[in-house]
Amino acid sequence: MTRYLPVLMAAALFAAPGAAAADPAAAVDRAPPSKTPSLMTPTEIKAYNEGLPQTHPYYIKCRKTLEIGSLVKKNRVCHTNEQWKVVIAQGSQDARDTAEAMTAKGLNSSN
């Protein structure tokens, strides 16, 4: 019986991508959310994401961030996958610019 378990698991893994591939075609026609995702309630976000694959550009993902100065309070930040890519790229660019400015300033000092 234990010999068949890996074979059944492998068969299930090979069958799953075919079933998931049919769903994205139906969800491609979805329009972007009309409301800013951070202003939507979790129920609205769940209803909007219904039927969308997690990799779809308009799929809404939320993250909780700690509020500075508080040990307990958290802020919920929600964006679509498309918006998250822009936010992450901008954050990375800001970090590169800061690191470059700090190294350039260190090389040009006369101390």
N, C-alpha and C. Protein backbone atom coordinates (compact mmCIF):
# COMPACT_ATOMS: atom_id res chain seq x y z
N MET A 1 0.82 -1.19 0.00
CA MET A 1 0.00 0.00 0.00
C MET A 1 0.87 1.26 0.00
N THR A 2 1.98 1.24 0.74
CA THR A 2 2.84 2.42 0.80
C THR A 2 3.56 2.65 -0.52
N ARG A 3 3.66 1.62 -1.36
CA ARG A 3 4.30 1.79 -2.67
C ARG A 3 3.43 2.60 -3.62
N TYR A 4 2.13 2.52 -3.44
CA TYR A 4 1.21 3.20 -4.35
C TYR A 4 1.00 4.66 -3.98
N LEU A 5 1.27 5.02 -2.74
CA LEU A 5 1.04 6.39 -2.30
C LEU A 5 1.86 7.41 -3.10
N PRO A 6 3.16 7.21 -3.31
CA PRO A 6 3.91 8.18 -4.13
C PRO A 6 3.41 8.26 -5.57
N VAL A 7 2.96 7.13 -6.10
CA VAL A 7 2.45 7.13 -7.47
C VAL A 7 1.16 7.92 -7.55
N LEU A 8 0.28 7.76 -6.56
CA LEU A 8 -0.98 8.51 -6.54
C LEU A 8 -0.72 10.01 -6.34
N MET A 9 0.22 10.34 -5.50
CA MET A 9 0.55 11.76 -5.28
C MET A 9 1.10 12.39 -6.56
N ALA A 10 1.97 11.67 -7.26
CA ALA A 10 2.53 12.19 -8.50
C ALA A 10 1.44 12.37 -9.56
N ALA A 11 0.51 11.42 -9.63
CA ALA A 11 -0.59 11.54 -10.58
C ALA A 11 -1.47 12.74 -10.26
N ALA A 12 -1.70 12.99 -8.98
CA ALA A 12 -2.51 14.14 -8.59
C ALA A 12 -1.80 15.45 -8.93
N LEU A 13 -0.49 15.49 -8.76
CA LEU A 13 0.25 16.70 -9.09
C LEU A 13 0.27 16.99 -10.58
N PHE A 14 0.35 15.93 -11.39
CA PHE A 14 0.33 16.13 -12.84
C PHE A 14 -1.05 16.52 -13.34
N ALA A 15 -2.10 16.06 -12.68
CA ALA A 15 -3.46 16.37 -13.10
C ALA A 15 -3.88 17.77 -12.66
N ALA A 16 -3.36 18.28 -11.55
CA ALA A 16 -3.77 19.57 -11.00
C ALA A 16 -3.48 20.75 -11.92
N PRO A 17 -2.31 20.85 -12.57
CA PRO A 17 -2.07 22.02 -13.42
C PRO A 17 -3.04 22.12 -14.59
N GLY A 18 -3.50 21.04 -15.10
CA GLY A 18 -4.46 21.08 -16.21
C GLY A 18 -5.78 21.67 -15.78
N ALA A 19 -6.22 21.36 -14.58
CA ALA A 19 -7.48 21.89 -14.07
C ALA A 19 -7.33 23.38 -13.76
N ALA A 20 -6.19 23.79 -13.24
CA ALA A 20 -5.99 25.19 -12.89
C ALA A 20 -5.80 26.05 -14.13
N ALA A 21 -5.33 25.47 -15.21
CA ALA A 21 -5.09 26.24 -16.43
C ALA A 21 -6.40 26.69 -17.08
N ALA A 22 -7.50 25.99 -16.85
CA ALA A 22 -8.77 26.37 -17.45
C ALA A 22 -9.37 27.58 -16.76
N ASP A 23 -9.13 27.78 -15.47
CA ASP A 23 -9.71 28.88 -14.72
C ASP A 23 -9.17 30.25 -15.13
N PRO A 24 -7.86 30.42 -15.36
CA PRO A 24 -7.37 31.75 -15.71
C PRO A 24 -7.97 32.31 -17.00
N ALA A 25 -8.30 31.47 -17.93
CA ALA A 25 -8.87 31.95 -19.19
C ALA A 25 -10.21 32.62 -18.95
N ALA A 26 -10.99 32.11 -18.01
CA ALA A 26 -12.29 32.70 -17.71
C ALA A 26 -12.15 33.99 -16.92
N ALA A 27 -11.08 34.15 -16.15
CA ALA A 27 -10.91 35.30 -15.28
C ALA A 27 -10.15 36.45 -15.94
N VAL A 28 -9.68 36.28 -17.15
CA VAL A 28 -8.88 37.31 -17.82
C VAL A 28 -9.71 38.55 -18.11
N ASP A 29 -11.00 38.42 -18.28
CA ASP A 29 -11.86 39.54 -18.63
C ASP A 29 -12.15 40.48 -17.46
N ARG A 30 -11.67 40.17 -16.27
CA ARG A 30 -11.97 40.96 -15.07
C ARG A 30 -11.37 42.35 -15.17
N ALA A 31 -12.15 43.35 -14.78
CA ALA A 31 -11.68 44.73 -14.77
C ALA A 31 -10.95 45.00 -13.46
N PRO A 32 -10.05 45.99 -13.44
CA PRO A 32 -9.38 46.31 -12.17
C PRO A 32 -10.40 46.80 -11.14
N PRO A 33 -10.08 46.70 -9.87
CA PRO A 33 -11.04 47.12 -8.85
C PRO A 33 -11.36 48.61 -8.98
N SER A 34 -12.63 48.95 -8.79
CA SER A 34 -13.06 50.34 -8.94
C SER A 34 -12.67 51.17 -7.72
N LYS A 35 -12.42 50.51 -6.61
CA LYS A 35 -12.09 51.16 -5.35
C LYS A 35 -10.63 50.86 -5.01
N THR A 36 -9.97 51.73 -4.27
CA THR A 36 -8.61 51.46 -3.83
C THR A 36 -8.63 50.23 -2.93
N PRO A 37 -7.80 49.22 -3.22
CA PRO A 37 -7.86 47.98 -2.45
C PRO A 37 -7.69 48.16 -0.94
N SER A 38 -6.89 49.11 -0.49
CA SER A 38 -6.71 49.32 0.95
C SER A 38 -7.97 49.85 1.62
N LEU A 39 -8.87 50.46 0.84
CA LEU A 39 -10.11 50.97 1.40
C LEU A 39 -11.24 49.94 1.36
N MET A 40 -11.00 48.81 0.71
CA MET A 40 -12.01 47.75 0.63
C MET A 40 -12.00 46.93 1.91
N THR A 41 -13.16 46.40 2.27
CA THR A 41 -13.25 45.53 3.43
C THR A 41 -12.75 44.14 3.03
N PRO A 42 -12.35 43.32 4.01
CA PRO A 42 -11.92 41.97 3.66
C PRO A 42 -12.99 41.17 2.91
N THR A 43 -14.27 41.41 3.22
CA THR A 43 -15.34 40.72 2.52
C THR A 43 -15.40 41.14 1.06
N GLU A 44 -15.22 42.44 0.79
CA GLU A 44 -15.22 42.93 -0.59
C GLU A 44 -14.03 42.36 -1.37
N ILE A 45 -12.88 42.29 -0.71
CA ILE A 45 -11.69 41.75 -1.36
C ILE A 45 -11.89 40.28 -1.69
N LYS A 46 -12.46 39.54 -0.76
CA LYS A 46 -12.70 38.10 -0.99
C LYS A 46 -13.67 37.91 -2.14
N ALA A 47 -14.72 38.74 -2.20
CA ALA A 47 -15.70 38.64 -3.28
C ALA A 47 -15.05 39.00 -4.62
N TYR A 48 -14.18 40.02 -4.64
CA TYR A 48 -13.53 40.43 -5.87
C TYR A 48 -12.56 39.35 -6.36
N ASN A 49 -11.83 38.73 -5.43
CA ASN A 49 -10.84 37.72 -5.80
C ASN A 49 -11.47 36.38 -6.18
N GLU A 50 -12.74 36.21 -5.95
CA GLU A 50 -13.42 34.95 -6.26
C GLU A 50 -13.25 34.60 -7.73
N GLY A 51 -12.65 33.46 -8.00
CA GLY A 51 -12.46 32.99 -9.36
C GLY A 51 -11.19 33.47 -10.04
N LEU A 52 -10.47 34.39 -9.42
CA LEU A 52 -9.21 34.86 -9.99
C LEU A 52 -8.06 33.99 -9.49
N PRO A 53 -7.14 33.61 -10.36
CA PRO A 53 -5.95 32.89 -9.87
C PRO A 53 -5.06 33.88 -9.12
N GLN A 54 -4.27 33.39 -8.19
CA GLN A 54 -3.42 34.25 -7.38
C GLN A 54 -2.34 34.96 -8.20
N THR A 55 -2.09 34.50 -9.40
CA THR A 55 -1.07 35.13 -10.24
C THR A 55 -1.65 36.18 -11.18
N HIS A 56 -2.96 36.37 -11.18
CA HIS A 56 -3.61 37.34 -12.06
C HIS A 56 -3.17 38.76 -11.66
N PRO A 57 -2.94 39.66 -12.62
CA PRO A 57 -2.49 41.03 -12.29
C PRO A 57 -3.44 41.80 -11.39
N TYR A 58 -4.74 41.50 -11.42
CA TYR A 58 -5.71 42.25 -10.62
C TYR A 58 -6.09 41.53 -9.32
N TYR A 59 -5.45 40.42 -9.01
CA TYR A 59 -5.71 39.72 -7.75
C TYR A 59 -5.20 40.59 -6.61
N ILE A 60 -6.03 40.80 -5.60
CA ILE A 60 -5.68 41.68 -4.49
C ILE A 60 -5.05 40.88 -3.36
N LYS A 61 -3.87 41.36 -2.91
CA LYS A 61 -3.18 40.76 -1.77
C LYS A 61 -3.00 41.83 -0.71
N CYS A 62 -3.17 41.43 0.54
CA CYS A 62 -3.01 42.35 1.66
C CYS A 62 -1.85 41.91 2.54
N ARG A 63 -1.18 42.88 3.10
CA ARG A 63 -0.10 42.63 4.06
C ARG A 63 -0.33 43.53 5.25
N LYS A 64 0.06 43.04 6.41
CA LYS A 64 -0.04 43.85 7.62
C LYS A 64 1.36 44.33 7.99
N THR A 65 1.47 45.62 8.27
CA THR A 65 2.74 46.20 8.67
C THR A 65 2.59 46.78 10.07
N LEU A 66 3.64 46.69 10.86
CA LEU A 66 3.62 47.26 12.20
C LEU A 66 3.66 48.77 12.12
N GLU A 67 2.88 49.41 12.98
CA GLU A 67 2.92 50.86 13.04
C GLU A 67 4.11 51.26 13.92
N ILE A 68 4.89 52.17 13.45
CA ILE A 68 6.08 52.60 14.18
C ILE A 68 5.65 53.28 15.47
N GLY A 69 6.27 52.88 16.57
CA GLY A 69 5.96 53.46 17.87
C GLY A 69 4.92 52.68 18.64
N SER A 70 4.37 51.64 18.05
CA SER A 70 3.37 50.82 18.73
C SER A 70 3.82 49.37 18.74
N LEU A 71 3.56 48.70 19.84
CA LEU A 71 3.90 47.29 19.93
C LEU A 71 2.76 46.41 19.42
N VAL A 72 1.57 46.97 19.29
CA VAL A 72 0.39 46.17 18.98
C VAL A 72 -0.26 46.54 17.65
N LYS A 73 -0.38 47.81 17.36
CA LYS A 73 -1.15 48.26 16.21
C LYS A 73 -0.49 47.88 14.89
N LYS A 74 -1.31 47.39 13.98
CA LYS A 74 -0.84 47.03 12.64
C LYS A 74 -1.71 47.72 11.60
N ASN A 75 -1.09 48.07 10.50
CA ASN A 75 -1.81 48.66 9.38
C ASN A 75 -1.95 47.62 8.28
N ARG A 76 -3.12 47.57 7.67
CA ARG A 76 -3.37 46.65 6.56
C ARG A 76 -3.16 47.42 5.26
N VAL A 77 -2.27 46.91 4.42
CA VAL A 77 -1.99 47.53 3.12
C VAL A 77 -2.36 46.52 2.05
N CYS A 78 -3.25 46.92 1.15
CA CYS A 78 -3.72 46.03 0.10
C CYS A 78 -3.44 46.66 -1.27
N HIS A 79 -2.98 45.83 -2.19
CA HIS A 79 -2.74 46.25 -3.58
C HIS A 79 -3.00 45.05 -4.48
N THR A 80 -3.19 45.33 -5.76
CA THR A 80 -3.26 44.26 -6.75
C THR A 80 -1.83 43.78 -7.02
N ASN A 81 -1.69 42.62 -7.63
CA ASN A 81 -0.36 42.11 -7.97
C ASN A 81 0.40 43.12 -8.83
N GLU A 82 -0.31 43.75 -9.74
CA GLU A 82 0.29 44.75 -10.62
C GLU A 82 0.84 45.92 -9.81
N GLN A 83 0.06 46.39 -8.83
CA GLN A 83 0.49 47.50 -7.99
C GLN A 83 1.63 47.10 -7.06
N TRP A 84 1.60 45.86 -6.56
CA TRP A 84 2.68 45.39 -5.69
C TRP A 84 4.02 45.39 -6.44
N LYS A 85 4.00 45.02 -7.73
CA LYS A 85 5.24 45.04 -8.51
C LYS A 85 5.82 46.44 -8.57
N VAL A 86 4.96 47.44 -8.77
CA VAL A 86 5.41 48.83 -8.83
C VAL A 86 5.95 49.27 -7.48
N VAL A 87 5.24 48.94 -6.39
CA VAL A 87 5.66 49.33 -5.04
C VAL A 87 7.01 48.70 -4.71
N ILE A 88 7.18 47.43 -5.01
CA ILE A 88 8.44 46.73 -4.72
C ILE A 88 9.58 47.30 -5.57
N ALA A 89 9.31 47.57 -6.84
CA ALA A 89 10.34 48.14 -7.71
C ALA A 89 10.76 49.53 -7.22
N GLN A 90 9.80 50.33 -6.80
CA GLN A 90 10.11 51.67 -6.31
C GLN A 90 10.91 51.60 -5.01
N GLY A 91 10.55 50.69 -4.12
CA GLY A 91 11.30 50.51 -2.88
C GLY A 91 12.73 50.06 -3.14
N SER A 92 12.89 49.15 -4.09
CA SER A 92 14.23 48.69 -4.44
C SER A 92 15.07 49.82 -5.05
N GLN A 93 14.44 50.61 -5.90
CA GLN A 93 15.15 51.74 -6.51
C GLN A 93 15.55 52.76 -5.46
N ASP A 94 14.65 53.04 -4.51
CA ASP A 94 14.97 53.98 -3.43
C ASP A 94 16.14 53.47 -2.59
N ALA A 95 16.16 52.17 -2.32
CA ALA A 95 17.26 51.59 -1.54
C ALA A 95 18.58 51.70 -2.31
N ARG A 96 18.55 51.42 -3.61
CA ARG A 96 19.76 51.55 -4.43
C ARG A 96 20.26 52.99 -4.46
N ASP A 97 19.31 53.94 -4.62
CA ASP A 97 19.69 55.36 -4.65
C ASP A 97 20.31 55.79 -3.33
N THR A 98 19.74 55.33 -2.22
CA THR A 98 20.27 55.69 -0.91
C THR A 98 21.66 55.10 -0.70
N ALA A 99 21.83 53.82 -1.05
CA ALA A 99 23.13 53.18 -0.90
C ALA A 99 24.17 53.87 -1.78
N GLU A 100 23.79 54.23 -2.98
CA GLU A 100 24.71 54.91 -3.89
C GLU A 100 25.07 56.29 -3.36
N ALA A 101 24.09 57.01 -2.83
CA ALA A 101 24.36 58.34 -2.28
C ALA A 101 25.28 58.26 -1.06
N MET A 102 25.08 57.24 -0.24
CA MET A 102 25.92 57.09 0.96
C MET A 102 27.36 56.73 0.59
N THR A 103 27.54 55.86 -0.39
CA THR A 103 28.90 55.48 -0.79
C THR A 103 29.58 56.63 -1.52
N ALA A 104 28.83 57.37 -2.33
CA ALA A 104 29.41 58.49 -3.04
C ALA A 104 29.80 59.59 -2.06
N LYS A 105 29.00 59.82 -1.05
CA LYS A 105 29.29 60.84 -0.06
C LYS A 105 30.53 60.45 0.74
N GLY A 106 30.66 59.17 1.04
CA GLY A 106 31.80 58.69 1.81
C GLY A 106 33.10 58.83 1.05
N LEU A 107 33.06 58.67 -0.27
CA LEU A 107 34.28 58.77 -1.08
C LEU A 107 34.71 60.22 -1.28
N ASN A 108 33.75 61.15 -1.28
CA ASN A 108 34.06 62.53 -1.56
C ASN A 108 34.37 63.36 -0.31
N SER A 109 34.34 62.77 0.87
CA SER A 109 34.57 63.55 2.07
C SER A 109 36.04 63.90 2.19
N SER A 110 36.33 65.03 2.80
CA SER A 110 37.71 65.47 2.93
C SER A 110 38.26 65.21 4.33
N ASN A 111 37.57 64.42 5.14
CA ASN A 111 38.04 64.14 6.51
C ASN A 111 39.19 63.26 6.45
